[in-house]
Amino acid sequence: MGEYLSPTHVDNLYVMTHGLVKAETPALLSFSPRTEELVKILQKQFDYVLLDTAPVMPFPDARLWASTPME
């Protein structure tokens, strides 16, 4: 997992970028079983996991993440 996390200039703050994935429906990638597994792994490793999504009004991503129960 460490090879995908980039440290920042803020202590104990890491960033994972989305990479160069081309998908016809990018929102579907956010809700794949692999993404759910990744979030669970990150929740065990970090105190907080922040997910940056598209704006709430034009795109459903943020609304869907907000309604997804997290452990």
PDB file of N, CA and C in Angstrom:
ATOM      1  N   MET A   1       0.825  -1.189   0.000  1.00  0.00           N
ATOM      2  CA  MET A   1       0.000   0.000   0.000  1.00  0.00           C
ATOM      3  C   MET A   1       0.873   1.258   0.000  1.00  0.00           C
ATOM      4  N   GLY A   2       2.018   1.175   0.668  1.00  0.00           N
ATOM      5  CA  GLY A   2       2.884   2.333   0.815  1.00  0.00           C
ATOM      6  C   GLY A   2       3.344   2.956  -0.490  1.00  0.00           C
ATOM      7  N   GLU A   3       3.460   2.154  -1.543  1.00  0.00           N
ATOM      8  CA  GLU A   3       3.944   2.706  -2.809  1.00  0.00           C
ATOM      9  C   GLU A   3       2.907   3.615  -3.484  1.00  0.00           C
ATOM     10  N   TYR A   4       1.650   3.543  -3.047  1.00  0.00           N
ATOM     11  CA  TYR A   4       0.593   4.361  -3.640  1.00  0.00           C
ATOM     12  C   TYR A   4       0.302   5.617  -2.836  1.00  0.00           C
ATOM     13  N   LEU A   5       0.814   5.689  -1.616  1.00  0.00           N
ATOM     14  CA  LEU A   5       0.585   6.839  -0.753  1.00  0.00           C
ATOM     15  C   LEU A   5       1.773   7.785  -0.849  1.00  0.00           C
ATOM     16  N   SER A   6       1.492   9.049  -1.069  1.00  0.00           N
ATOM     17  CA  SER A   6       2.559  10.056  -1.164  1.00  0.00           C
ATOM     18  C   SER A   6       2.514  10.952   0.064  1.00  0.00           C
ATOM     19  N   PRO A   7       3.649  11.118   0.748  1.00  0.00           N
ATOM     20  CA  PRO A   7       3.667  12.030   1.891  1.00  0.00           C
ATOM     21  C   PRO A   7       3.519  13.477   1.416  1.00  0.00           C
ATOM     22  N   THR A   8       3.051  14.321   2.287  1.00  0.00           N
ATOM     23  CA  THR A   8       2.914  15.751   1.977  1.00  0.00           C
ATOM     24  C   THR A   8       3.842  16.531   2.896  1.00  0.00           C
ATOM     25  N   HIS A   9       3.835  17.860   2.781  1.00  0.00           N
ATOM     26  CA  HIS A   9       4.668  18.679   3.662  1.00  0.00           C
ATOM     27  C   HIS A   9       4.072  18.781   5.068  1.00  0.00           C
ATOM     28  N   VAL A  10       2.869  18.256   5.276  1.00  0.00           N
ATOM     29  CA  VAL A  10       2.228  18.233   6.593  1.00  0.00           C
ATOM     30  C   VAL A  10       2.526  16.884   7.247  1.00  0.00           C
ATOM     31  N   ASP A  11       3.000  16.904   8.474  1.00  0.00           N
ATOM     32  CA  ASP A  11       3.316  15.661   9.177  1.00  0.00           C
ATOM     33  C   ASP A  11       2.108  14.732   9.235  1.00  0.00           C
ATOM     34  N   ASN A  12       2.335  13.465   8.967  1.00  0.00           N
ATOM     35  CA  ASN A  12       1.311  12.420   9.057  1.00  0.00           C
ATOM     36  C   ASN A  12       0.128  12.618   8.112  1.00  0.00           C
ATOM     37  N   LEU A  13       0.323  13.334   7.031  1.00  0.00           N
ATOM     38  CA  LEU A  13      -0.727  13.521   6.025  1.00  0.00           C
ATOM     39  C   LEU A  13      -0.221  12.923   4.713  1.00  0.00           C
ATOM     40  N   TYR A  14      -0.991  11.999   4.173  1.00  0.00           N
ATOM     41  CA  TYR A  14      -0.626  11.313   2.933  1.00  0.00           C
ATOM     42  C   TYR A  14      -1.729  11.503   1.903  1.00  0.00           C
ATOM     43  N   VAL A  15      -1.363  11.418   0.645  1.00  0.00           N
ATOM     44  CA  VAL A  15      -2.304  11.586  -0.456  1.00  0.00           C
ATOM     45  C   VAL A  15      -2.190  10.383  -1.379  1.00  0.00           C
ATOM     46  N   MET A  16      -3.335   9.924  -1.858  1.00  0.00           N
ATOM     47  CA  MET A  16      -3.366   8.883  -2.883  1.00  0.00           C
ATOM     48  C   MET A  16      -4.162   9.462  -4.043  1.00  0.00           C
ATOM     49  N   THR A  17      -3.513   9.634  -5.177  1.00  0.00           N
ATOM     50  CA  THR A  17      -4.210  10.197  -6.331  1.00  0.00           C
ATOM     51  C   THR A  17      -4.929   9.093  -7.094  1.00  0.00           C
ATOM     52  N   HIS A  18      -5.816   9.484  -7.967  1.00  0.00           N
ATOM     53  CA  HIS A  18      -6.628   8.508  -8.691  1.00  0.00           C
ATOM     54  C   HIS A  18      -5.878   7.811  -9.808  1.00  0.00           C
ATOM     55  N   GLY A  19      -4.811   8.378 -10.278  1.00  0.00           N
ATOM     56  CA  GLY A  19      -4.071   7.760 -11.373  1.00  0.00           C
ATOM     57  C   GLY A  19      -4.677   8.127 -12.721  1.00  0.00           C
ATOM     58  N   LEU A  20      -4.331   7.367 -13.727  1.00  0.00           N
ATOM     59  CA  LEU A  20      -4.757   7.671 -15.094  1.00  0.00           C
ATOM     60  C   LEU A  20      -5.763   6.638 -15.604  1.00  0.00           C
ATOM     61  N   VAL A  21      -6.821   6.450 -14.890  1.00  0.00           N
ATOM     62  CA  VAL A  21      -7.849   5.483 -15.283  1.00  0.00           C
ATOM     63  C   VAL A  21      -8.829   6.162 -16.230  1.00  0.00           C
ATOM     64  N   LYS A  22      -9.074   5.517 -17.359  1.00  0.00           N
ATOM     65  CA  LYS A  22     -10.081   6.032 -18.291  1.00  0.00           C
ATOM     66  C   LYS A  22     -11.294   5.115 -18.194  1.00  0.00           C
ATOM     67  N   ALA A  23     -12.410   5.699 -17.848  1.00  0.00           N
ATOM     68  CA  ALA A  23     -13.635   4.913 -17.703  1.00  0.00           C
ATOM     69  C   ALA A  23     -14.791   5.701 -18.286  1.00  0.00           C
ATOM     70  N   GLU A  24     -15.708   4.991 -18.878  1.00  0.00           N
ATOM     71  CA  GLU A  24     -16.885   5.643 -19.458  1.00  0.00           C
ATOM     72  C   GLU A  24     -17.752   6.259 -18.365  1.00  0.00           C
ATOM     73  N   THR A  25     -17.846   5.581 -17.236  1.00  0.00           N
ATOM     74  CA  THR A  25     -18.620   6.078 -16.100  1.00  0.00           C
ATOM     75  C   THR A  25     -17.730   6.066 -14.860  1.00  0.00           C
ATOM     76  N   PRO A  26     -16.956   7.128 -14.631  1.00  0.00           N
ATOM     77  CA  PRO A  26     -16.007   7.153 -13.510  1.00  0.00           C
ATOM     78  C   PRO A  26     -16.667   6.946 -12.150  1.00  0.00           C
ATOM     79  N   ALA A  27     -17.909   7.391 -11.984  1.00  0.00           N
ATOM     80  CA  ALA A  27     -18.569   7.228 -10.689  1.00  0.00           C
ATOM     81  C   ALA A  27     -18.693   5.765 -10.303  1.00  0.00           C
ATOM     82  N   LEU A  28     -18.820   4.870 -11.279  1.00  0.00           N
ATOM     83  CA  LEU A  28     -18.942   3.450 -10.971  1.00  0.00           C
ATOM     84  C   LEU A  28     -17.666   2.889 -10.364  1.00  0.00           C
ATOM     85  N   LEU A  29     -16.515   3.463 -10.710  1.00  0.00           N
ATOM     86  CA  LEU A  29     -15.256   3.007 -10.133  1.00  0.00           C
ATOM     87  C   LEU A  29     -15.227   3.245  -8.626  1.00  0.00           C
ATOM     88  N   SER A  30     -15.850   4.319  -8.186  1.00  0.00           N
ATOM     89  CA  SER A  30     -15.858   4.650  -6.763  1.00  0.00           C
ATOM     90  C   SER A  30     -16.601   3.627  -5.937  1.00  0.00           C
ATOM     91  N   PHE A  31     -17.508   2.905  -6.541  1.00  0.00           N
ATOM     92  CA  PHE A  31     -18.353   1.988  -5.780  1.00  0.00           C
ATOM     93  C   PHE A  31     -18.138   0.538  -6.170  1.00  0.00           C
ATOM     94  N   SER A  32     -16.955   0.242  -6.661  1.00  0.00           N
ATOM     95  CA  SER A  32     -16.616  -1.140  -6.976  1.00  0.00           C
ATOM     96  C   SER A  32     -16.238  -1.851  -5.678  1.00  0.00           C
ATOM     97  N   PRO A  33     -16.314  -3.184  -5.652  1.00  0.00           N
ATOM     98  CA  PRO A  33     -15.894  -3.931  -4.455  1.00  0.00           C
ATOM     99  C   PRO A  33     -14.434  -3.659  -4.072  1.00  0.00           C
ATOM    100  N   ARG A  34     -13.578  -3.447  -5.055  1.00  0.00           N
ATOM    101  CA  ARG A  34     -12.162  -3.179  -4.757  1.00  0.00           C
ATOM    102  C   ARG A  34     -11.981  -1.840  -4.059  1.00  0.00           C
ATOM    103  N   THR A  35     -12.789  -0.851  -4.432  1.00  0.00           N
ATOM    104  CA  THR A  35     -12.701   0.449  -3.773  1.00  0.00           C
ATOM    105  C   THR A  35     -13.164   0.336  -2.330  1.00  0.00           C
ATOM    106  N   GLU A  36     -14.229  -0.414  -2.104  1.00  0.00           N
ATOM    107  CA  GLU A  36     -14.708  -0.633  -0.737  1.00  0.00           C
ATOM    108  C   GLU A  36     -13.629  -1.311   0.105  1.00  0.00           C
ATOM    109  N   GLU A  37     -12.962  -2.300  -0.480  1.00  0.00           N
ATOM    110  CA  GLU A  37     -11.877  -2.991   0.221  1.00  0.00           C
ATOM    111  C   GLU A  37     -10.739  -2.025   0.544  1.00  0.00           C
ATOM    112  N   LEU A  38     -10.393  -1.176  -0.406  1.00  0.00           N
ATOM    113  CA  LEU A  38      -9.328  -0.189  -0.198  1.00  0.00           C
ATOM    114  C   LEU A  38      -9.677   0.749   0.944  1.00  0.00           C
ATOM    115  N   VAL A  39     -10.896   1.248   0.975  1.00  0.00           N
ATOM    116  CA  VAL A  39     -11.308   2.177   2.038  1.00  0.00           C
ATOM    117  C   VAL A  39     -11.216   1.480   3.402  1.00  0.00           C
ATOM    118  N   LYS A  40     -11.623   0.244   3.479  1.00  0.00           N
ATOM    119  CA  LYS A  40     -11.538  -0.492   4.745  1.00  0.00           C
ATOM    120  C   LYS A  40     -10.089  -0.643   5.202  1.00  0.00           C
ATOM    121  N   ILE A  41      -9.188  -0.919   4.278  1.00  0.00           N
ATOM    122  CA  ILE A  41      -7.760  -1.025   4.614  1.00  0.00           C
ATOM    123  C   ILE A  41      -7.242   0.315   5.122  1.00  0.00           C
ATOM    124  N   LEU A  42      -7.583   1.385   4.431  1.00  0.00           N
ATOM    125  CA  LEU A  42      -7.121   2.710   4.836  1.00  0.00           C
ATOM    126  C   LEU A  42      -7.690   3.111   6.194  1.00  0.00           C
ATOM    127  N   GLN A  43      -8.928   2.730   6.481  1.00  0.00           N
ATOM    128  CA  GLN A  43      -9.535   3.051   7.775  1.00  0.00           C
ATOM    129  C   GLN A  43      -8.780   2.374   8.924  1.00  0.00           C
ATOM    130  N   LYS A  44      -8.219   1.215   8.684  1.00  0.00           N
ATOM    131  CA  LYS A  44      -7.442   0.529   9.717  1.00  0.00           C
ATOM    132  C   LYS A  44      -6.082   1.180   9.927  1.00  0.00           C
ATOM    133  N   GLN A  45      -5.566   1.802   8.872  1.00  0.00           N
ATOM    134  CA  GLN A  45      -4.215   2.354   8.908  1.00  0.00           C
ATOM    135  C   GLN A  45      -4.183   3.815   9.358  1.00  0.00           C
ATOM    136  N   PHE A  46      -5.278   4.549   9.159  1.00  0.00           N
ATOM    137  CA  PHE A  46      -5.301   5.986   9.442  1.00  0.00           C
ATOM    138  C   PHE A  46      -6.467   6.357  10.352  1.00  0.00           C
ATOM    139  N   ASP A  47      -6.319   7.473  11.057  1.00  0.00           N
ATOM    140  CA  ASP A  47      -7.403   7.977  11.907  1.00  0.00           C
ATOM    141  C   ASP A  47      -8.555   8.517  11.074  1.00  0.00           C
ATOM    142  N   TYR A  48      -8.255   9.172   9.976  1.00  0.00           N
ATOM    143  CA  TYR A  48      -9.257   9.762   9.090  1.00  0.00           C
ATOM    144  C   TYR A  48      -8.933   9.416   7.648  1.00  0.00           C
ATOM    145  N   VAL A  49      -9.964   9.180   6.859  1.00  0.00           N
ATOM    146  CA  VAL A  49      -9.818   8.962   5.423  1.00  0.00           C
ATOM    147  C   VAL A  49     -10.761   9.944   4.742  1.00  0.00           C
ATOM    148  N   LEU A  50     -10.202  10.877   3.993  1.00  0.00           N
ATOM    149  CA  LEU A  50     -10.993  11.875   3.279  1.00  0.00           C
ATOM    150  C   LEU A  50     -11.061  11.498   1.807  1.00  0.00           C
ATOM    151  N   LEU A  51     -12.259  11.558   1.251  1.00  0.00           N
ATOM    152  CA  LEU A  51     -12.457  11.235  -0.161  1.00  0.00           C
ATOM    153  C   LEU A  51     -12.882  12.497  -0.893  1.00  0.00           C
ATOM    154  N   ASP A  52     -12.089  12.882  -1.855  1.00  0.00           N
ATOM    155  CA  ASP A  52     -12.397  14.064  -2.658  1.00  0.00           C
ATOM    156  C   ASP A  52     -13.267  13.620  -3.826  1.00  0.00           C
ATOM    157  N   THR A  53     -14.423  14.242  -3.967  1.00  0.00           N
ATOM    158  CA  THR A  53     -15.342  13.866  -5.034  1.00  0.00           C
ATOM    159  C   THR A  53     -15.699  15.088  -5.865  1.00  0.00           C
ATOM    160  N   ALA A  54     -16.413  14.838  -6.921  1.00  0.00           N
ATOM    161  CA  ALA A  54     -16.908  15.930  -7.768  1.00  0.00           C
ATOM    162  C   ALA A  54     -17.941  16.746  -6.980  1.00  0.00           C
ATOM    163  N   PRO A  55     -18.273  17.943  -7.440  1.00  0.00           N
ATOM    164  CA  PRO A  55     -19.274  18.764  -6.750  1.00  0.00           C
ATOM    165  C   PRO A  55     -20.597  18.012  -6.579  1.00  0.00           C
ATOM    166  N   VAL A  56     -21.287  18.286  -5.486  1.00  0.00           N
ATOM    167  CA  VAL A  56     -22.507  17.557  -5.125  1.00  0.00           C
ATOM    168  C   VAL A  56     -23.644  17.759  -6.119  1.00  0.00           C
ATOM    169  N   MET A  57     -23.861  18.956  -6.567  1.00  0.00           N
ATOM    170  CA  MET A  57     -25.045  19.225  -7.386  1.00  0.00           C
ATOM    171  C   MET A  57     -25.025  18.525  -8.755  1.00  0.00           C
ATOM    172  N   PRO A  58     -23.998  18.685  -9.579  1.00  0.00           N
ATOM    173  CA  PRO A  58     -24.070  18.090 -10.915  1.00  0.00           C
ATOM    174  C   PRO A  58     -23.738  16.595 -10.974  1.00  0.00           C
ATOM    175  N   PHE A  59     -23.037  16.068  -9.963  1.00  0.00           N
ATOM    176  CA  PHE A  59     -22.589  14.681 -10.009  1.00  0.00           C
ATOM    177  C   PHE A  59     -23.037  13.945  -8.751  1.00  0.00           C
ATOM    178  N   PRO A  60     -23.413  12.679  -8.869  1.00  0.00           N
ATOM    179  CA  PRO A  60     -23.933  11.950  -7.709  1.00  0.00           C
ATOM    180  C   PRO A  60     -22.867  11.404  -6.763  1.00  0.00           C
ATOM    181  N   ASP A  61     -21.593  11.457  -7.122  1.00  0.00           N
ATOM    182  CA  ASP A  61     -20.547  10.797  -6.343  1.00  0.00           C
ATOM    183  C   ASP A  61     -20.577  11.172  -4.864  1.00  0.00           C
ATOM    184  N   ALA A  62     -20.590  12.469  -4.573  1.00  0.00           N
ATOM    185  CA  ALA A  62     -20.542  12.908  -3.175  1.00  0.00           C
ATOM    186  C   ALA A  62     -21.778  12.461  -2.412  1.00  0.00           C
ATOM    187  N   ARG A  63     -22.944  12.536  -3.020  1.00  0.00           N
ATOM    188  CA  ARG A  63     -24.179  12.093  -2.346  1.00  0.00           C
ATOM    189  C   ARG A  63     -24.121  10.597  -2.060  1.00  0.00           C
ATOM    190  N   LEU A  64     -23.593   9.819  -2.998  1.00  0.00           N
ATOM    191  CA  LEU A  64     -23.502   8.378  -2.797  1.00  0.00           C
ATOM    192  C   LEU A  64     -22.513   8.026  -1.690  1.00  0.00           C
ATOM    193  N   TRP A  65     -21.356   8.696  -1.673  1.00  0.00           N
ATOM    194  CA  TRP A  65     -20.381   8.445  -0.606  1.00  0.00           C
ATOM    195  C   TRP A  65     -20.964   8.837   0.741  1.00  0.00           C
ATOM    196  N   ALA A  66     -21.686   9.934   0.782  1.00  0.00           N
ATOM    197  CA  ALA A  66     -22.266  10.394   2.051  1.00  0.00           C
ATOM    198  C   ALA A  66     -23.279   9.410   2.597  1.00  0.00           C
ATOM    199  N   SER A  67     -23.954   8.678   1.734  1.00  0.00           N
ATOM    200  CA  SER A  67     -24.970   7.728   2.195  1.00  0.00           C
ATOM    201  C   SER A  67     -24.418   6.316   2.383  1.00  0.00           C
ATOM    202  N   THR A  68     -23.127   6.112   2.123  1.00  0.00           N
ATOM    203  CA  THR A  68     -22.513   4.795   2.260  1.00  0.00           C
ATOM    204  C   THR A  68     -22.015   4.627   3.701  1.00  0.00           C
ATOM    205  N   PRO A  69     -22.508   3.600   4.413  1.00  0.00           N
ATOM    206  CA  PRO A  69     -22.037   3.410   5.788  1.00  0.00           C
ATOM    207  C   PRO A  69     -20.577   2.988   5.818  1.00  0.00           C
ATOM    208  N   MET A  70     -19.814   3.600   6.697  1.00  0.00           N
ATOM    209  CA  MET A  70     -18.396   3.274   6.873  1.00  0.00           C
ATOM    210  C   MET A  70     -18.228   2.628   8.229  1.00  0.00           C
ATOM    211  N   GLU A  71     -17.343   1.655   8.297  1.00  0.00           N
ATOM    212  CA  GLU A  71     -17.092   0.960   9.572  1.00  0.00           C
ATOM    213  C   GLU A  71     -16.138   1.747  10.434  1.00  0.00           C
TER     214      GLU A  71
END
